[in-house]
């Protein structure tokens, strides 16, 4: 048997280090996506607990949604 089976070269060591860094970054990204999903799920679940009347309120942007002609401006 060869004694240098576990003797890594510099390129192999750098490749393993780079792979480890990429996997670590992928793990952090996955944790961020899962945490964001949990927060959005909690907001959605909280919205289900609200009464129906709170979901039928008029838009707070009503003044911005009016047509320009309704404010007395002529479009022609």
Protein backbone atom coordinates (compact mmCIF):
# COMPACT_ATOMS: atom_id res chain seq x y z
CA UNK A 1 0.00 0.00 0.00
CA UNK A 2 1.09 3.50 -0.67
CA UNK A 3 2.00 5.67 2.29
CA UNK A 4 1.05 8.93 0.54
CA UNK A 5 -2.65 8.08 0.21
CA UNK A 6 -3.48 10.79 2.77
CA UNK A 7 -0.74 13.13 1.59
CA UNK A 8 -2.66 15.91 -0.13
CA UNK A 9 -1.06 18.23 -2.56
CA UNK A 10 -1.47 21.99 -2.32
CA UNK A 11 -4.03 22.04 -5.13
CA UNK A 12 -6.16 19.35 -3.50
CA UNK A 13 -6.03 21.10 -0.13
CA UNK A 14 -7.07 24.40 -1.75
CA UNK A 15 -9.88 22.65 -3.63
CA UNK A 16 -11.21 21.07 -0.43
CA UNK A 17 -10.98 24.40 1.38
CA UNK A 18 -12.85 26.14 -1.44
CA UNK A 19 -15.50 23.45 -1.50
CA UNK A 20 -15.94 23.81 2.24
CA UNK A 21 -16.34 27.57 1.93
CA UNK A 22 -18.94 27.18 -0.81
CA UNK A 23 -20.89 24.62 1.22
CA UNK A 24 -20.74 26.90 4.24
CA UNK A 25 -22.14 29.78 2.17
CA UNK A 26 -24.87 27.54 0.76
CA UNK A 27 -25.78 26.55 4.31
CA UNK A 28 -26.04 30.21 5.37
CA UNK A 29 -28.18 30.98 2.31
CA UNK A 30 -30.46 28.03 3.06
CA UNK A 31 -30.83 29.17 6.68
CA UNK A 32 -31.72 32.69 5.50
CA UNK A 33 -34.34 31.38 3.05
CA UNK A 34 -35.87 29.11 5.70
CA UNK A 35 -35.93 31.94 8.27
CA UNK A 36 -37.57 34.28 5.75
CA UNK A 37 -40.15 31.62 4.93
CA UNK A 38 -40.92 31.12 8.61
CA UNK A 39 -41.41 34.86 9.13
CA UNK A 40 -43.71 35.14 6.11
CA UNK A 41 -45.66 32.08 7.26
CA UNK A 42 -46.08 33.63 10.72
CA UNK A 43 -47.36 36.88 9.17
CA UNK A 44 -49.80 34.92 6.98
CA UNK A 45 -51.02 32.89 9.98
CA UNK A 46 -51.50 36.07 12.00
CA UNK A 47 -53.52 37.52 9.12
CA UNK A 48 -55.86 34.53 9.28
CA UNK A 49 -56.63 35.38 12.91
CA UNK A 50 -57.74 38.93 12.07
CA UNK A 51 -61.46 39.65 11.72
CA UNK A 52 -62.92 39.89 8.20
CA UNK A 53 -63.82 43.58 8.70
CA UNK A 54 -60.15 44.50 8.99
CA UNK A 55 -59.54 43.07 5.53
CA UNK A 56 -62.33 45.12 3.91
CA UNK A 57 -61.18 48.58 4.92
CA UNK A 58 -60.88 51.28 2.25
CA UNK A 59 -57.48 51.79 0.70
CA UNK A 60 -55.19 54.18 2.61
CA UNK A 61 -54.03 55.46 -0.80
CA UNK A 62 -57.49 56.67 -1.84
CA UNK A 63 -56.28 60.23 -2.45
CA UNK A 64 -53.54 58.97 -4.75
CA UNK A 65 -55.85 56.64 -6.69
CA UNK A 66 -58.28 59.36 -7.83
CA UNK A 67 -58.07 60.26 -11.52
CA UNK A 68 -56.44 63.59 -12.34
CA UNK A 69 -59.64 64.91 -13.99
CA UNK A 70 -61.53 64.50 -10.71
CA UNK A 71 -59.26 67.07 -9.06
CA UNK A 72 -60.37 69.80 -11.48
CA UNK A 73 -57.57 69.48 -14.02
CA UNK A 74 -58.46 69.33 -17.68
CA UNK A 75 -56.87 66.49 -19.60
CA UNK A 76 -57.35 68.10 -23.03
